[in-house]
Amino acid sequence: MSAIAEKIPYTLWQMALYMLRLGTLGFGGPVALVGYMHRDLVEERKWISDADYKEGLALAQLAPGPLAAQLEIYLGYVHYRIWGATIAGLAFVLPSFFMVVALGWAYMHFGGLSWMQAVFYGGSVQKTENKAR
């Protein structure tokens, strides 16, 4: 029970904002995101102990699925249990979800435009159109 009585150095909403920022702006794949989390949450902010981080990383590596998302869900769980895991998970995953939905909407509405097809097909559309002529 002494761990519960211990003062948590951050609020759940601070963790959610961090995860939202990382989920929105994080770049470089899962290994880079895991490194950012260690640097920011363990080394700089000291919100998470190194032992808790390593335990979460080991569990995330054992489980199939997205490494960075599983680790951040565990880090949300460390101090705030189910609510922390849920809110951190949503904050991390929802930005990517909304980006994909927005890109899908844009593609559906502007897909007939050659510049939009070039964005999605890497410029190969114009080559294909020229060959068809």
C-alpha atoms as a PDB file:
ATOM      1  CA  MET A   1       0.000   0.000   0.000  1.00  0.00           C
ATOM      2  CA  SER A   2       2.979   2.337   0.362  1.00  0.00           C
ATOM      3  CA  ALA A   3       3.176   2.599  -3.433  1.00  0.00           C
ATOM      4  CA  ILE A   4      -0.407   3.911  -3.502  1.00  0.00           C
ATOM      5  CA  ALA A   5       0.299   6.440  -0.757  1.00  0.00           C
ATOM      6  CA  GLU A   6       3.311   7.686  -2.740  1.00  0.00           C
ATOM      7  CA  LYS A   7       2.718  10.974  -4.579  1.00  0.00           C
ATOM      8  CA  ILE A   8       2.405  10.510  -8.329  1.00  0.00           C
ATOM      9  CA  PRO A   9       4.552  13.173 -10.067  1.00  0.00           C
ATOM     10  CA  TYR A  10       2.029  13.861 -12.864  1.00  0.00           C
ATOM     11  CA  THR A  11      -1.690  13.959 -13.429  1.00  0.00           C
ATOM     12  CA  LEU A  12      -3.562  11.606 -15.698  1.00  0.00           C
ATOM     13  CA  TRP A  13      -4.316  14.529 -17.989  1.00  0.00           C
ATOM     14  CA  GLN A  14      -0.633  15.454 -18.246  1.00  0.00           C
ATOM     15  CA  MET A  15       0.075  11.893 -19.370  1.00  0.00           C
ATOM     16  CA  ALA A  16      -2.841  12.034 -21.812  1.00  0.00           C
ATOM     17  CA  LEU A  17      -1.555  15.297 -23.312  1.00  0.00           C
ATOM     18  CA  TYR A  18       1.931  13.850 -23.663  1.00  0.00           C
ATOM     19  CA  MET A  19       0.570  10.741 -25.404  1.00  0.00           C
ATOM     20  CA  LEU A  20      -1.666  12.869 -27.637  1.00  0.00           C
ATOM     21  CA  ARG A  21       1.346  14.951 -28.668  1.00  0.00           C
ATOM     22  CA  LEU A  22       3.492  11.873 -29.272  1.00  0.00           C
ATOM     23  CA  GLY A  23       0.719  10.133 -31.208  1.00  0.00           C
ATOM     24  CA  THR A  24       0.222  13.212 -33.379  1.00  0.00           C
ATOM     25  CA  LEU A  25       3.784  14.376 -33.969  1.00  0.00           C
ATOM     26  CA  GLY A  26       5.868  11.288 -33.232  1.00  0.00           C
ATOM     27  CA  PHE A  27       7.881  10.165 -36.241  1.00  0.00           C
ATOM     28  CA  GLY A  28      10.261   7.327 -36.947  1.00  0.00           C
ATOM     29  CA  GLY A  29       8.413   4.109 -36.246  1.00  0.00           C
ATOM     30  CA  PRO A  30       7.917   2.092 -33.077  1.00  0.00           C
ATOM     31  CA  VAL A  31      11.566   1.905 -32.020  1.00  0.00           C
ATOM     32  CA  ALA A  32      11.944   5.682 -32.263  1.00  0.00           C
ATOM     33  CA  LEU A  33       8.691   6.281 -30.351  1.00  0.00           C
ATOM     34  CA  VAL A  34       9.800   3.881 -27.618  1.00  0.00           C
ATOM     35  CA  GLY A  35      13.065   5.822 -27.386  1.00  0.00           C
ATOM     36  CA  TYR A  36      11.207   9.133 -27.135  1.00  0.00           C
ATOM     37  CA  MET A  37       9.087   7.738 -24.305  1.00  0.00           C
ATOM     38  CA  HIS A  38      12.165   6.620 -22.384  1.00  0.00           C
ATOM     39  CA  ARG A  39      13.927   9.941 -22.867  1.00  0.00           C
ATOM     40  CA  ASP A  40      10.898  12.056 -21.988  1.00  0.00           C
ATOM     41  CA  LEU A  41       9.126  10.040 -19.293  1.00  0.00           C
ATOM     42  CA  VAL A  42      12.021   8.292 -17.524  1.00  0.00           C
ATOM     43  CA  GLU A  43      15.071  10.493 -17.988  1.00  0.00           C
ATOM     44  CA  GLU A  44      13.730  14.049 -18.261  1.00  0.00           C
ATOM     45  CA  ARG A  45      10.353  14.200 -16.510  1.00  0.00           C
ATOM     46  CA  LYS A  46      10.956  11.245 -14.153  1.00  0.00           C
ATOM     47  CA  TRP A  47       7.281  10.298 -14.272  1.00  0.00           C
ATOM     48  CA  ILE A  48       8.044   6.606 -14.735  1.00  0.00           C
ATOM     49  CA  SER A  49      10.797   4.617 -13.040  1.00  0.00           C
ATOM     50  CA  ASP A  50      13.357   2.872 -15.205  1.00  0.00           C
ATOM     51  CA  ALA A  51      12.238  -0.489 -13.761  1.00  0.00           C
ATOM     52  CA  ASP A  52       8.583   0.138 -14.692  1.00  0.00           C
ATOM     53  CA  TYR A  53       9.624   1.257 -18.164  1.00  0.00           C
ATOM     54  CA  LYS A  54      11.763  -1.838 -18.746  1.00  0.00           C
ATOM     55  CA  GLU A  55       8.988  -4.113 -17.497  1.00  0.00           C
ATOM     56  CA  GLY A  56       6.507  -2.448 -19.858  1.00  0.00           C
ATOM     57  CA  LEU A  57       8.920  -2.682 -22.771  1.00  0.00           C
ATOM     58  CA  ALA A  58       9.519  -6.386 -22.122  1.00  0.00           C
ATOM     59  CA  LEU A  59       5.785  -7.086 -21.957  1.00  0.00           C
ATOM     60  CA  ALA A  60       5.141  -5.046 -25.114  1.00  0.00           C
ATOM     61  CA  GLN A  61       7.857  -6.957 -26.976  1.00  0.00           C
ATOM     62  CA  LEU A  62       6.391 -10.302 -25.924  1.00  0.00           C
ATOM     63  CA  ALA A  63       2.880  -9.496 -27.098  1.00  0.00           C
ATOM     64  CA  PRO A  64       1.983  -9.400 -30.793  1.00  0.00           C
ATOM     65  CA  GLY A  65       0.900  -6.044 -32.145  1.00  0.00           C
ATOM     66  CA  PRO A  66       2.089  -2.456 -32.196  1.00  0.00           C
ATOM     67  CA  LEU A  67       5.059  -2.074 -29.835  1.00  0.00           C
ATOM     68  CA  ALA A  68       4.821   1.656 -29.107  1.00  0.00           C
ATOM     69  CA  ALA A  69       1.060   1.578 -28.510  1.00  0.00           C
ATOM     70  CA  GLN A  70       1.323  -1.367 -26.129  1.00  0.00           C
ATOM     71  CA  LEU A  71       4.143   0.279 -24.189  1.00  0.00           C
ATOM     72  CA  GLU A  72       2.294   3.554 -23.781  1.00  0.00           C
ATOM     73  CA  ILE A  73      -0.832   1.711 -22.629  1.00  0.00           C
ATOM     74  CA  TYR A  74       1.295  -0.022 -19.988  1.00  0.00           C
ATOM     75  CA  LEU A  75       2.871   3.297 -18.948  1.00  0.00           C
ATOM     76  CA  GLY A  76      -0.601   4.751 -18.494  1.00  0.00           C
ATOM     77  CA  TYR A  77      -1.451   1.725 -16.372  1.00  0.00           C
ATOM     78  CA  VAL A  78       1.570   2.088 -14.051  1.00  0.00           C
ATOM     79  CA  HIS A  79       0.063   4.789 -11.801  1.00  0.00           C
ATOM     80  CA  TYR A  80      -3.533   5.166 -12.970  1.00  0.00           C
ATOM     81  CA  ARG A  81      -4.465   1.537 -13.682  1.00  0.00           C
ATOM     82  CA  ILE A  82      -7.400   0.884 -16.042  1.00  0.00           C
ATOM     83  CA  TRP A  83      -8.355   4.541 -16.499  1.00  0.00           C
ATOM     84  CA  GLY A  84      -4.742   5.482 -17.189  1.00  0.00           C
ATOM     85  CA  ALA A  85      -4.285   2.691 -19.719  1.00  0.00           C
ATOM     86  CA  THR A  86      -7.546   3.554 -21.476  1.00  0.00           C
ATOM     87  CA  ILE A  87      -6.992   7.302 -21.663  1.00  0.00           C
ATOM     88  CA  ALA A  88      -3.317   7.010 -22.631  1.00  0.00           C
ATOM     89  CA  GLY A  89      -4.217   4.423 -25.279  1.00  0.00           C
ATOM     90  CA  LEU A  90      -6.927   6.563 -26.821  1.00  0.00           C
ATOM     91  CA  ALA A  91      -4.753   9.680 -26.712  1.00  0.00           C
ATOM     92  CA  PHE A  92      -1.955   7.871 -28.533  1.00  0.00           C
ATOM     93  CA  VAL A  93      -4.013   6.020 -31.160  1.00  0.00           C
ATOM     94  CA  LEU A  94      -6.797   8.480 -32.035  1.00  0.00           C
ATOM     95  CA  PRO A  95      -4.594  11.034 -33.863  1.00  0.00           C
ATOM     96  CA  SER A  96      -3.442   8.348 -36.306  1.00  0.00           C
ATOM     97  CA  PHE A  97      -7.004   7.115 -36.724  1.00  0.00           C
ATOM     98  CA  PHE A  98      -8.267  10.600 -37.563  1.00  0.00           C
ATOM     99  CA  MET A  99      -5.378  11.184 -39.985  1.00  0.00           C
ATOM    100  CA  VAL A 100      -6.226   7.987 -41.871  1.00  0.00           C
ATOM    101  CA  VAL A 101      -9.929   8.884 -41.931  1.00  0.00           C
ATOM    102  CA  ALA A 102      -9.083  12.370 -43.260  1.00  0.00           C
ATOM    103  CA  LEU A 103      -6.808  10.932 -45.946  1.00  0.00           C
ATOM    104  CA  GLY A 104      -9.478   8.412 -46.926  1.00  0.00           C
ATOM    105  CA  TRP A 105     -12.083  11.163 -47.139  1.00  0.00           C
ATOM    106  CA  ALA A 106      -9.748  13.321 -49.242  1.00  0.00           C
ATOM    107  CA  TYR A 107      -8.980  10.417 -51.535  1.00  0.00           C
ATOM    108  CA  MET A 108     -12.646   9.580 -52.003  1.00  0.00           C
ATOM    109  CA  HIS A 109     -13.579  13.194 -52.741  1.00  0.00           C
ATOM    110  CA  PHE A 110     -10.515  14.227 -54.761  1.00  0.00           C
ATOM    111  CA  GLY A 111      -9.347  10.835 -56.050  1.00  0.00           C
ATOM    112  CA  GLY A 112     -10.149  11.672 -59.662  1.00  0.00           C
ATOM    113  CA  LEU A 113      -7.673  14.550 -59.691  1.00  0.00           C
ATOM    114  CA  SER A 114      -4.273  13.645 -61.110  1.00  0.00           C
ATOM    115  CA  TRP A 115      -2.379  15.442 -58.329  1.00  0.00           C
ATOM    116  CA  MET A 116      -4.324  13.484 -55.682  1.00  0.00           C
ATOM    117  CA  GLN A 117      -3.609  10.195 -57.436  1.00  0.00           C
ATOM    118  CA  ALA A 118       0.068  11.175 -57.635  1.00  0.00           C
ATOM    119  CA  VAL A 119       0.098  11.699 -53.856  1.00  0.00           C
ATOM    120  CA  PHE A 120      -1.272   8.212 -53.227  1.00  0.00           C
ATOM    121  CA  TYR A 121       0.535   6.375 -56.006  1.00  0.00           C
ATOM    122  CA  GLY A 122       3.878   8.181 -55.881  1.00  0.00           C
ATOM    123  CA  GLY A 123       3.636   9.974 -59.215  1.00  0.00           C
ATOM    124  CA  SER A 124       3.187   6.782 -61.232  1.00  0.00           C
ATOM    125  CA  VAL A 125      -0.292   7.858 -62.356  1.00  0.00           C
ATOM    126  CA  GLN A 126       0.977  10.335 -64.931  1.00  0.00           C
ATOM    127  CA  LYS A 127       3.290   7.710 -66.416  1.00  0.00           C
ATOM    128  CA  THR A 128       0.367   5.298 -66.676  1.00  0.00           C
ATOM    129  CA  GLU A 129      -1.859   7.963 -68.268  1.00  0.00           C
ATOM    130  CA  ASN A 130       0.830   8.806 -70.813  1.00  0.00           C
ATOM    131  CA  LYS A 131       1.245   5.134 -71.718  1.00  0.00           C
ATOM    132  CA  ALA A 132      -2.519   4.766 -72.218  1.00  0.00           C
ATOM    133  CA  ARG A 133      -2.575   7.544 -74.816  1.00  0.00           C
END
